[in-house]
Amino acid sequence: MPLAMTGCAWLAQHQGALVLAGAFLAMLVLAVAWAMCGAGPGACVAVFGFAFMLFVGPTMGDYVLNHRGVRHGAVIGDVSTYWKKHGDGRACTVVTTDTAKSDAYEVDDPDGCDDDLREGQSVTLVVDPEGWLKPRLSSHANGVAPYLVWTSAGLFTATESFVLYGRLRRRGLRA
């Protein structure tokens, strides 16, 4: 089950319809695990499994972007703001400068477009060569944070513990 949840979390890292596919598959896996473990342990499996998916996806994204990401010299081309539910958001158009063909990428505030960036400022852009993950500014691509690894490991352990407990409990009820 955690392997399936990890796959669903990886699908959710990509933008577009795959986010919905990952969420649907995760709900399907959690519903089957709930049914196999019984009501009490199954509820815990569903909660911990969903939380595991929420943490392991960004952890894998950070790891992959740190190891596979290509760093480019770039310049901020445009900085714009947009309205969000809890205040204004920022979006930056970043243009690469160290390649033969200048490519433009959109980077928003969770990926590094902070308030202190101005047009014409030099930055380092980290791009996934396969295009699976969104590009980030290098200040937001520092590898995997230790708390993400430990949290994912703890949630993995809790999920598997409740799966084991639920399956053993169900087996004990039949005997």
N, C-alpha and C. Protein backbone atom coordinates (compact mmCIF):
# COMPACT_ATOMS: atom_id res chain seq x y z
N MET A 1 0.80 -1.20 0.00
CA MET A 1 0.00 0.00 0.00
C MET A 1 0.85 1.28 0.00
N PRO A 2 1.89 1.38 0.84
CA PRO A 2 2.69 2.59 0.78
C PRO A 2 3.37 2.81 -0.58
N LEU A 3 3.71 1.73 -1.25
CA LEU A 3 4.29 1.88 -2.58
C LEU A 3 3.27 2.48 -3.54
N ALA A 4 2.03 2.03 -3.47
CA ALA A 4 0.97 2.61 -4.30
C ALA A 4 0.73 4.07 -3.93
N MET A 5 0.76 4.38 -2.65
CA MET A 5 0.57 5.77 -2.21
C MET A 5 1.73 6.65 -2.66
N THR A 6 2.94 6.09 -2.68
CA THR A 6 4.09 6.84 -3.17
C THR A 6 3.92 7.15 -4.65
N GLY A 7 3.45 6.18 -5.42
CA GLY A 7 3.19 6.42 -6.84
C GLY A 7 2.12 7.48 -7.04
N CYS A 8 1.06 7.45 -6.25
CA CYS A 8 0.01 8.47 -6.34
C CYS A 8 0.55 9.85 -5.97
N ALA A 9 1.43 9.90 -4.98
CA ALA A 9 2.03 11.17 -4.58
C ALA A 9 2.92 11.72 -5.68
N TRP A 10 3.63 10.82 -6.39
CA TRP A 10 4.48 11.27 -7.49
C TRP A 10 3.63 11.80 -8.64
N LEU A 11 2.50 11.15 -8.92
CA LEU A 11 1.59 11.65 -9.95
C LEU A 11 1.07 13.03 -9.59
N ALA A 12 0.82 13.25 -8.32
CA ALA A 12 0.27 14.53 -7.88
C ALA A 12 1.28 15.67 -7.98
N GLN A 13 2.57 15.37 -8.16
CA GLN A 13 3.57 16.42 -8.29
C GLN A 13 3.48 17.11 -9.65
N HIS A 14 2.96 16.40 -10.65
CA HIS A 14 2.83 16.96 -11.99
C HIS A 14 1.57 17.81 -12.05
N GLN A 15 1.63 18.89 -12.78
CA GLN A 15 0.46 19.77 -12.90
C GLN A 15 -0.47 19.24 -13.98
N GLY A 16 -1.75 19.48 -13.82
CA GLY A 16 -2.72 19.09 -14.83
C GLY A 16 -3.62 17.96 -14.34
N ALA A 17 -4.08 17.16 -15.29
CA ALA A 17 -5.06 16.11 -14.99
C ALA A 17 -4.46 14.98 -14.16
N LEU A 18 -3.15 14.83 -14.16
CA LEU A 18 -2.54 13.75 -13.38
C LEU A 18 -2.71 13.96 -11.88
N VAL A 19 -2.91 15.19 -11.44
CA VAL A 19 -3.18 15.44 -10.02
C VAL A 19 -4.49 14.76 -9.63
N LEU A 20 -5.50 14.90 -10.48
CA LEU A 20 -6.78 14.26 -10.21
C LEU A 20 -6.67 12.74 -10.28
N ALA A 21 -5.90 12.24 -11.24
CA ALA A 21 -5.70 10.79 -11.35
C ALA A 21 -5.00 10.25 -10.11
N GLY A 22 -3.96 10.96 -9.63
CA GLY A 22 -3.26 10.55 -8.42
C GLY A 22 -4.17 10.56 -7.20
N ALA A 23 -5.00 11.59 -7.08
CA ALA A 23 -5.92 11.68 -5.94
C ALA A 23 -6.97 10.57 -6.01
N PHE A 24 -7.50 10.30 -7.20
CA PHE A 24 -8.49 9.23 -7.36
C PHE A 24 -7.89 7.87 -7.01
N LEU A 25 -6.71 7.58 -7.54
CA LEU A 25 -6.06 6.30 -7.24
C LEU A 25 -5.75 6.18 -5.74
N ALA A 26 -5.32 7.28 -5.12
CA ALA A 26 -5.04 7.25 -3.68
C ALA A 26 -6.30 6.94 -2.89
N MET A 27 -7.41 7.56 -3.24
CA MET A 27 -8.66 7.29 -2.54
C MET A 27 -9.10 5.84 -2.74
N LEU A 28 -8.88 5.31 -3.93
CA LEU A 28 -9.22 3.91 -4.20
C LEU A 28 -8.36 2.97 -3.34
N VAL A 29 -7.06 3.23 -3.29
CA VAL A 29 -6.17 2.40 -2.48
C VAL A 29 -6.54 2.48 -1.00
N LEU A 30 -6.83 3.68 -0.52
CA LEU A 30 -7.19 3.84 0.88
C LEU A 30 -8.53 3.18 1.21
N ALA A 31 -9.48 3.23 0.28
CA ALA A 31 -10.76 2.58 0.52
C ALA A 31 -10.61 1.06 0.58
N VAL A 32 -9.78 0.50 -0.28
CA VAL A 32 -9.53 -0.95 -0.24
C VAL A 32 -8.82 -1.33 1.06
N ALA A 33 -7.84 -0.54 1.46
CA ALA A 33 -7.13 -0.82 2.71
C ALA A 33 -8.08 -0.73 3.90
N TRP A 34 -8.97 0.24 3.88
CA TRP A 34 -9.96 0.39 4.95
C TRP A 34 -10.84 -0.86 5.03
N ALA A 35 -11.30 -1.32 3.88
CA ALA A 35 -12.18 -2.49 3.86
C ALA A 35 -11.44 -3.75 4.32
N MET A 36 -10.17 -3.86 4.02
CA MET A 36 -9.40 -5.05 4.40
C MET A 36 -9.04 -5.06 5.88
N CYS A 37 -8.93 -3.89 6.49
CA CYS A 37 -8.47 -3.80 7.88
C CYS A 37 -9.60 -3.70 8.89
N GLY A 38 -10.79 -3.38 8.45
CA GLY A 38 -11.88 -3.18 9.39
C GLY A 38 -12.07 -1.70 9.67
N ALA A 39 -13.12 -1.38 10.40
CA ALA A 39 -13.51 0.02 10.59
C ALA A 39 -12.50 0.83 11.40
N GLY A 40 -12.14 0.38 12.57
CA GLY A 40 -11.24 1.16 13.43
C GLY A 40 -9.84 1.30 12.86
N PRO A 41 -9.13 0.20 12.64
CA PRO A 41 -7.80 0.32 12.06
C PRO A 41 -7.83 0.88 10.64
N GLY A 42 -8.90 0.60 9.91
CA GLY A 42 -9.01 1.11 8.55
C GLY A 42 -9.09 2.63 8.51
N ALA A 43 -9.78 3.22 9.48
CA ALA A 43 -9.84 4.68 9.54
C ALA A 43 -8.45 5.25 9.80
N CYS A 44 -7.69 4.61 10.68
CA CYS A 44 -6.32 5.07 10.95
C CYS A 44 -5.43 4.89 9.73
N VAL A 45 -5.61 3.78 9.01
CA VAL A 45 -4.85 3.55 7.78
C VAL A 45 -5.15 4.65 6.78
N ALA A 46 -6.42 5.01 6.64
CA ALA A 46 -6.80 6.04 5.69
C ALA A 46 -6.20 7.40 6.06
N VAL A 47 -6.27 7.75 7.32
CA VAL A 47 -5.75 9.05 7.76
C VAL A 47 -4.23 9.10 7.61
N PHE A 48 -3.54 8.10 8.14
CA PHE A 48 -2.08 8.10 8.06
C PHE A 48 -1.60 7.91 6.62
N GLY A 49 -2.32 7.12 5.84
CA GLY A 49 -1.93 6.92 4.44
C GLY A 49 -2.07 8.19 3.64
N PHE A 50 -3.14 8.94 3.86
CA PHE A 50 -3.32 10.21 3.15
C PHE A 50 -2.27 11.22 3.57
N ALA A 51 -1.99 11.29 4.87
CA ALA A 51 -0.93 12.19 5.35
C ALA A 51 0.42 11.78 4.79
N PHE A 52 0.68 10.48 4.70
CA PHE A 52 1.92 9.99 4.11
C PHE A 52 2.06 10.49 2.67
N MET A 53 0.97 10.40 1.91
CA MET A 53 1.00 10.86 0.53
C MET A 53 1.29 12.36 0.45
N LEU A 54 0.74 13.14 1.36
CA LEU A 54 0.96 14.58 1.34
C LEU A 54 2.41 14.95 1.62
N PHE A 55 3.11 14.14 2.41
CA PHE A 55 4.50 14.45 2.73
C PHE A 55 5.49 13.81 1.77
N VAL A 56 5.22 12.59 1.32
CA VAL A 56 6.20 11.89 0.50
C VAL A 56 6.29 12.48 -0.91
N GLY A 57 5.21 13.05 -1.42
CA GLY A 57 5.24 13.66 -2.76
C GLY A 57 6.22 14.83 -2.84
N PRO A 58 6.09 15.84 -1.98
CA PRO A 58 7.06 16.93 -2.00
C PRO A 58 8.48 16.48 -1.66
N THR A 59 8.62 15.47 -0.80
CA THR A 59 9.94 14.95 -0.47
C THR A 59 10.61 14.38 -1.71
N MET A 60 9.87 13.57 -2.46
CA MET A 60 10.43 13.01 -3.69
C MET A 60 10.71 14.09 -4.72
N GLY A 61 9.83 15.08 -4.81
CA GLY A 61 10.05 16.19 -5.74
C GLY A 61 11.32 16.96 -5.42
N ASP A 62 11.54 17.25 -4.13
CA ASP A 62 12.77 17.94 -3.73
C ASP A 62 14.00 17.10 -4.03
N TYR A 63 13.93 15.82 -3.75
CA TYR A 63 15.06 14.93 -3.99
C TYR A 63 15.40 14.86 -5.49
N VAL A 64 14.39 14.65 -6.30
CA VAL A 64 14.61 14.53 -7.74
C VAL A 64 15.13 15.84 -8.33
N LEU A 65 14.55 16.96 -7.93
CA LEU A 65 15.00 18.24 -8.47
C LEU A 65 16.41 18.57 -8.02
N ASN A 66 16.79 18.16 -6.81
CA ASN A 66 18.14 18.41 -6.33
C ASN A 66 19.17 17.58 -7.10
N HIS A 67 18.83 16.33 -7.42
CA HIS A 67 19.78 15.44 -8.07
C HIS A 67 19.72 15.46 -9.59
N ARG A 68 18.54 15.67 -10.16
CA ARG A 68 18.40 15.63 -11.60
C ARG A 68 18.25 17.00 -12.21
N GLY A 69 17.92 17.99 -11.41
CA GLY A 69 17.66 19.33 -11.92
C GLY A 69 18.89 19.97 -12.54
N VAL A 70 18.66 20.74 -13.60
CA VAL A 70 19.73 21.45 -14.29
C VAL A 70 19.66 22.91 -13.87
N ARG A 71 20.78 23.43 -13.41
CA ARG A 71 20.84 24.83 -12.97
C ARG A 71 21.25 25.71 -14.13
N HIS A 72 20.49 26.79 -14.33
CA HIS A 72 20.75 27.75 -15.41
C HIS A 72 20.88 29.14 -14.82
N GLY A 73 21.77 29.93 -15.41
CA GLY A 73 21.79 31.35 -15.11
C GLY A 73 20.59 31.98 -15.78
N ALA A 74 19.93 32.89 -15.09
CA ALA A 74 18.70 33.47 -15.62
C ALA A 74 18.53 34.90 -15.13
N VAL A 75 17.59 35.58 -15.75
CA VAL A 75 17.25 36.96 -15.40
C VAL A 75 15.75 37.04 -15.21
N ILE A 76 15.32 37.80 -14.21
CA ILE A 76 13.89 38.02 -14.01
C ILE A 76 13.41 38.95 -15.12
N GLY A 77 12.48 38.46 -15.94
CA GLY A 77 11.97 39.25 -17.05
C GLY A 77 10.78 40.10 -16.67
N ASP A 78 9.91 39.54 -15.84
CA ASP A 78 8.69 40.25 -15.48
C ASP A 78 8.23 39.75 -14.11
N VAL A 79 7.74 40.67 -13.30
CA VAL A 79 7.19 40.32 -12.00
C VAL A 79 5.76 40.84 -11.97
N SER A 80 4.82 39.95 -11.71
CA SER A 80 3.42 40.37 -11.66
C SER A 80 2.78 39.83 -10.39
N THR A 81 1.68 40.44 -10.01
CA THR A 81 0.94 39.99 -8.85
C THR A 81 -0.44 39.53 -9.30
N TYR A 82 -1.00 38.64 -8.52
CA TYR A 82 -2.35 38.16 -8.79
C TYR A 82 -3.07 38.00 -7.46
N TRP A 83 -4.38 37.95 -7.53
CA TRP A 83 -5.17 37.86 -6.31
C TRP A 83 -5.32 36.42 -5.90
N LYS A 84 -5.07 36.14 -4.62
CA LYS A 84 -5.32 34.84 -4.01
C LYS A 84 -6.33 35.03 -2.90
N LYS A 85 -6.80 33.94 -2.38
CA LYS A 85 -7.81 34.00 -1.32
C LYS A 85 -7.29 34.73 -0.08
N HIS A 86 -6.02 34.53 0.25
CA HIS A 86 -5.45 35.13 1.47
C HIS A 86 -4.39 36.16 1.14
N GLY A 87 -4.65 37.04 0.20
CA GLY A 87 -3.70 38.10 -0.14
C GLY A 87 -3.19 37.96 -1.56
N ASP A 88 -2.27 38.82 -1.90
CA ASP A 88 -1.73 38.82 -3.25
C ASP A 88 -0.66 37.75 -3.41
N GLY A 89 -0.63 37.15 -4.59
CA GLY A 89 0.41 36.21 -4.96
C GLY A 89 1.34 36.86 -5.97
N ARG A 90 2.49 36.29 -6.16
CA ARG A 90 3.46 36.84 -7.11
C ARG A 90 3.84 35.78 -8.12
N ALA A 91 4.03 36.21 -9.36
CA ALA A 91 4.50 35.33 -10.42
C ALA A 91 5.63 36.04 -11.15
N CYS A 92 6.69 35.30 -11.44
CA CYS A 92 7.85 35.85 -12.13
C CYS A 92 8.05 35.11 -13.45
N THR A 93 8.35 35.85 -14.48
CA THR A 93 8.79 35.26 -15.74
C THR A 93 10.31 35.29 -15.71
N VAL A 94 10.92 34.11 -15.78
CA VAL A 94 12.37 33.99 -15.68
C VAL A 94 12.89 33.53 -17.04
N VAL A 95 13.88 34.24 -17.57
CA VAL A 95 14.45 33.94 -18.89
C VAL A 95 15.88 33.45 -18.70
N THR A 96 16.19 32.28 -19.27
CA THR A 96 17.55 31.74 -19.14
C THR A 96 18.51 32.57 -19.98
N THR A 97 19.72 32.70 -19.48
CA THR A 97 20.74 33.49 -20.19
C THR A 97 21.96 32.68 -20.59
N ASP A 98 22.09 31.46 -20.08
CA ASP A 98 23.30 30.69 -20.37
C ASP A 98 23.10 29.60 -21.42
N THR A 99 22.01 29.66 -22.15
CA THR A 99 21.77 28.70 -23.22
C THR A 99 21.70 29.43 -24.56
N ALA A 100 21.87 28.68 -25.65
CA ALA A 100 21.83 29.29 -26.98
C ALA A 100 20.44 29.87 -27.26
N LYS A 101 19.42 29.14 -26.86
CA LYS A 101 18.04 29.61 -27.03
C LYS A 101 17.51 30.04 -25.66
N SER A 102 17.12 31.27 -25.54
CA SER A 102 16.59 31.77 -24.26
C SER A 102 15.18 31.26 -24.07
N ASP A 103 15.00 30.46 -23.03
CA ASP A 103 13.68 29.94 -22.70
C ASP A 103 13.10 30.74 -21.54
N ALA A 104 11.79 30.93 -21.58
CA ALA A 104 11.11 31.65 -20.50
C ALA A 104 10.30 30.65 -19.67
N TYR A 105 10.38 30.79 -18.36
CA TYR A 105 9.67 29.92 -17.43
C TYR A 105 8.86 30.78 -16.47
N GLU A 106 7.72 30.26 -16.07
CA GLU A 106 6.91 30.92 -15.05
C GLU A 106 7.22 30.31 -13.69
N VAL A 107 7.53 31.15 -12.73
CA VAL A 107 7.81 30.72 -11.36
C VAL A 107 6.91 31.54 -10.46
N ASP A 108 6.11 30.87 -9.63
CA ASP A 108 5.24 31.62 -8.73
C ASP A 108 5.78 31.61 -7.31
N ASP A 109 5.03 32.19 -6.38
CA ASP A 109 5.56 32.41 -5.04
C ASP A 109 5.95 31.16 -4.27
N PRO A 110 5.29 30.01 -4.37
CA PRO A 110 5.80 28.85 -3.62
C PRO A 110 7.13 28.33 -4.18
N ASP A 111 7.44 28.66 -5.41
CA ASP A 111 8.65 28.15 -6.05
C ASP A 111 9.79 29.16 -6.07
N GLY A 112 9.64 30.29 -5.41
CA GLY A 112 10.76 31.19 -5.26
C GLY A 112 10.53 32.63 -5.69
N CYS A 113 9.39 32.99 -6.20
CA CYS A 113 9.15 34.38 -6.62
C CYS A 113 8.78 35.20 -5.39
N ASP A 114 9.80 35.71 -4.72
CA ASP A 114 9.60 36.44 -3.46
C ASP A 114 9.40 37.93 -3.70
N ASP A 115 9.08 38.63 -2.63
CA ASP A 115 8.84 40.07 -2.71
C ASP A 115 10.07 40.88 -3.07
N ASP A 116 11.26 40.35 -2.79
CA ASP A 116 12.48 41.13 -3.01
C ASP A 116 13.02 41.00 -4.44
N LEU A 117 12.40 40.24 -5.32
CA LEU A 117 12.88 40.10 -6.70
C LEU A 117 12.36 41.24 -7.56
N ARG A 118 13.23 41.75 -8.41
CA ARG A 118 12.90 42.86 -9.32
C ARG A 118 13.25 42.48 -10.74
N GLU A 119 12.65 43.14 -11.71
CA GLU A 119 12.95 42.89 -13.11
C GLU A 119 14.42 43.19 -13.39
N GLY A 120 15.06 42.32 -14.17
CA GLY A 120 16.46 42.48 -14.53
C GLY A 120 17.43 41.88 -13.54
N GLN A 121 16.95 41.36 -12.43
CA GLN A 121 17.82 40.78 -11.42
C GLN A 121 18.30 39.40 -11.87
N SER A 122 19.57 39.10 -11.65
CA SER A 122 20.13 37.79 -12.01
C SER A 122 19.80 36.76 -10.94
N VAL A 123 19.37 35.58 -11.36
CA VAL A 123 19.02 34.50 -10.45
C VAL A 123 19.52 33.19 -11.06
N THR A 124 19.44 32.12 -10.27
CA THR A 124 19.74 30.78 -10.76
C THR A 124 18.44 30.00 -10.77
N LEU A 125 18.12 29.42 -11.93
CA LEU A 125 16.89 28.66 -12.12
C LEU A 125 17.21 27.18 -12.17
N VAL A 126 16.45 26.36 -11.46
CA VAL A 126 16.63 24.90 -11.47
C VAL A 126 15.45 24.31 -12.25
N VAL A 127 15.78 23.59 -13.34
CA VAL A 127 14.75 23.05 -14.24
C VAL A 127 14.88 21.54 -14.29
N ASP A 128 13.76 20.84 -14.20
CA ASP A 128 13.74 19.40 -14.39
C ASP A 128 13.85 19.13 -15.89
N PRO A 129 14.88 18.41 -16.35
CA PRO A 129 15.06 18.21 -17.79
C PRO A 129 13.92 17.43 -18.45
N GLU A 130 13.20 16.64 -17.68
CA GLU A 130 12.07 15.91 -18.25
C GLU A 130 10.78 16.70 -18.20
N GLY A 131 10.78 17.84 -17.53
CA GLY A 131 9.61 18.69 -17.47
C GLY A 131 8.50 18.19 -16.56
N TRP A 132 8.80 17.22 -15.71
CA TRP A 132 7.78 16.68 -14.81
C TRP A 132 7.48 17.64 -13.67
N LEU A 133 8.54 18.20 -13.08
CA LEU A 133 8.38 19.11 -11.95
C LEU A 133 8.46 20.56 -12.43
N LYS A 134 7.78 21.43 -11.70
CA LYS A 134 7.83 22.84 -12.05
C LYS A 134 9.21 23.40 -11.73
N PRO A 135 9.70 24.33 -12.56
CA PRO A 135 11.00 24.95 -12.26
C PRO A 135 10.93 25.78 -10.98
N ARG A 136 12.07 25.89 -10.32
CA ARG A 136 12.17 26.68 -9.09
C ARG A 136 13.42 27.54 -9.15
N LEU A 137 13.41 28.58 -8.39
CA LEU A 137 14.64 29.35 -8.22
C LEU A 137 15.53 28.59 -7.26
N SER A 138 16.83 28.74 -7.39
CA SER A 138 17.76 27.91 -6.61
C SER A 138 17.61 28.11 -5.11
N SER A 139 17.12 29.25 -4.68
CA SER A 139 16.92 29.47 -3.25
C SER A 139 15.84 28.55 -2.68
N HIS A 140 15.02 27.96 -3.55
CA HIS A 140 13.96 27.05 -3.11
C HIS A 140 14.19 25.62 -3.61
N ALA A 141 15.42 25.29 -3.98
CA ALA A 141 15.77 23.93 -4.43
C ALA A 141 17.04 23.50 -3.71
N ASN A 142 16.93 23.33 -2.41
CA ASN A 142 18.10 23.03 -1.58
C ASN A 142 18.19 21.56 -1.18
N GLY A 143 17.47 20.69 -1.85
CA GLY A 143 17.49 19.28 -1.47
C GLY A 143 16.37 18.98 -0.49
N VAL A 144 16.42 17.79 0.05
CA VAL A 144 15.35 17.32 0.93
C VAL A 144 15.62 17.78 2.35
N ALA A 145 14.61 18.39 2.94
CA ALA A 145 14.72 18.81 4.33
C ALA A 145 14.61 17.57 5.23
N PRO A 146 15.44 17.49 6.27
CA PRO A 146 15.41 16.31 7.14
C PRO A 146 14.05 16.06 7.79
N TYR A 147 13.31 17.12 8.11
CA TYR A 147 12.02 16.91 8.75
C TYR A 147 11.05 16.20 7.80
N LEU A 148 11.17 16.44 6.48
CA LEU A 148 10.30 15.74 5.53
C LEU A 148 10.60 14.24 5.49
N VAL A 149 11.88 13.90 5.55
CA VAL A 149 12.25 12.48 5.55
C VAL A 149 11.75 11.80 6.80
N TRP A 150 11.98 12.41 7.96
CA TRP A 150 11.55 11.79 9.21
C TRP A 150 10.03 11.74 9.33
N THR A 151 9.36 12.76 8.88
CA THR A 151 7.89 12.74 8.91
C THR A 151 7.34 11.66 7.99
N SER A 152 7.90 11.56 6.79
CA SER A 152 7.46 10.51 5.86
C SER A 152 7.72 9.12 6.43
N ALA A 153 8.88 8.93 7.06
CA ALA A 153 9.20 7.63 7.65
C ALA A 153 8.25 7.31 8.81
N GLY A 154 7.94 8.29 9.63
CA GLY A 154 7.00 8.07 10.73
C GLY A 154 5.61 7.74 10.25
N LEU A 155 5.14 8.46 9.23
CA LEU A 155 3.81 8.18 8.69
C LEU A 155 3.77 6.82 8.00
N PHE A 156 4.86 6.46 7.32
CA PHE A 156 4.97 5.14 6.71
C PHE A 156 4.85 4.05 7.77
N THR A 157 5.59 4.22 8.87
CA THR A 157 5.56 3.24 9.96
C THR A 157 4.18 3.15 10.59
N ALA A 158 3.55 4.28 10.82
CA ALA A 158 2.21 4.28 11.41
C ALA A 158 1.20 3.60 10.48
N THR A 159 1.28 3.91 9.19
CA THR A 159 0.36 3.30 8.23
C THR A 159 0.53 1.79 8.20
N GLU A 160 1.77 1.35 8.09
CA GLU A 160 2.02 -0.09 8.02
C GLU A 160 1.65 -0.78 9.34
N SER A 161 1.84 -0.12 10.46
CA SER A 161 1.46 -0.71 11.75
C SER A 161 -0.04 -0.94 11.83
N PHE A 162 -0.83 0.03 11.38
CA PHE A 162 -2.27 -0.15 11.41
C PHE A 162 -2.76 -1.15 10.37
N VAL A 163 -2.07 -1.25 9.24
CA VAL A 163 -2.41 -2.29 8.27
C VAL A 163 -2.17 -3.67 8.89
N LEU A 164 -1.01 -3.84 9.50
CA LEU A 164 -0.69 -5.11 10.14
C LEU A 164 -1.67 -5.43 11.27
N TYR A 165 -1.94 -4.45 12.12
CA TYR A 165 -2.87 -4.65 13.22
C TYR A 165 -4.26 -5.01 12.69
N GLY A 166 -4.73 -4.28 11.70
CA GLY A 166 -6.06 -4.54 11.15
C GLY A 166 -6.17 -5.91 10.50
N ARG A 167 -5.15 -6.32 9.77
CA ARG A 167 -5.18 -7.63 9.13
C ARG A 167 -5.11 -8.75 10.17
N LEU A 168 -4.27 -8.59 11.18
CA LEU A 168 -4.19 -9.61 12.24
C LEU A 168 -5.48 -9.66 13.05
N ARG A 169 -6.08 -8.53 13.28
CA ARG A 169 -7.33 -8.47 14.03
C ARG A 169 -8.45 -9.16 13.25
N ARG A 170 -8.51 -8.91 11.94
CA ARG A 170 -9.53 -9.55 11.11
C ARG A 170 -9.32 -11.07 11.05
N ARG A 171 -8.07 -11.49 11.00
CA ARG A 171 -7.76 -12.90 10.95
C ARG A 171 -8.15 -13.55 12.29
N GLY A 172 -7.93 -12.84 13.39
CA GLY A 172 -8.29 -13.35 14.72
C GLY A 172 -9.79 -13.46 14.90
N LEU A 173 -10.58 -12.58 14.28
CA LEU A 173 -12.02 -12.62 14.41
C LEU A 173 -12.63 -13.82 13.69
N ARG A 174 -11.98 -14.27 12.62
CA ARG A 174 -12.50 -15.40 11.86
C ARG A 174 -12.22 -16.73 12.55
N ALA A 175 -11.18 -16.78 13.37
CA ALA A 175 -10.78 -18.07 13.98
C ALA A 175 -11.67 -18.44 15.13
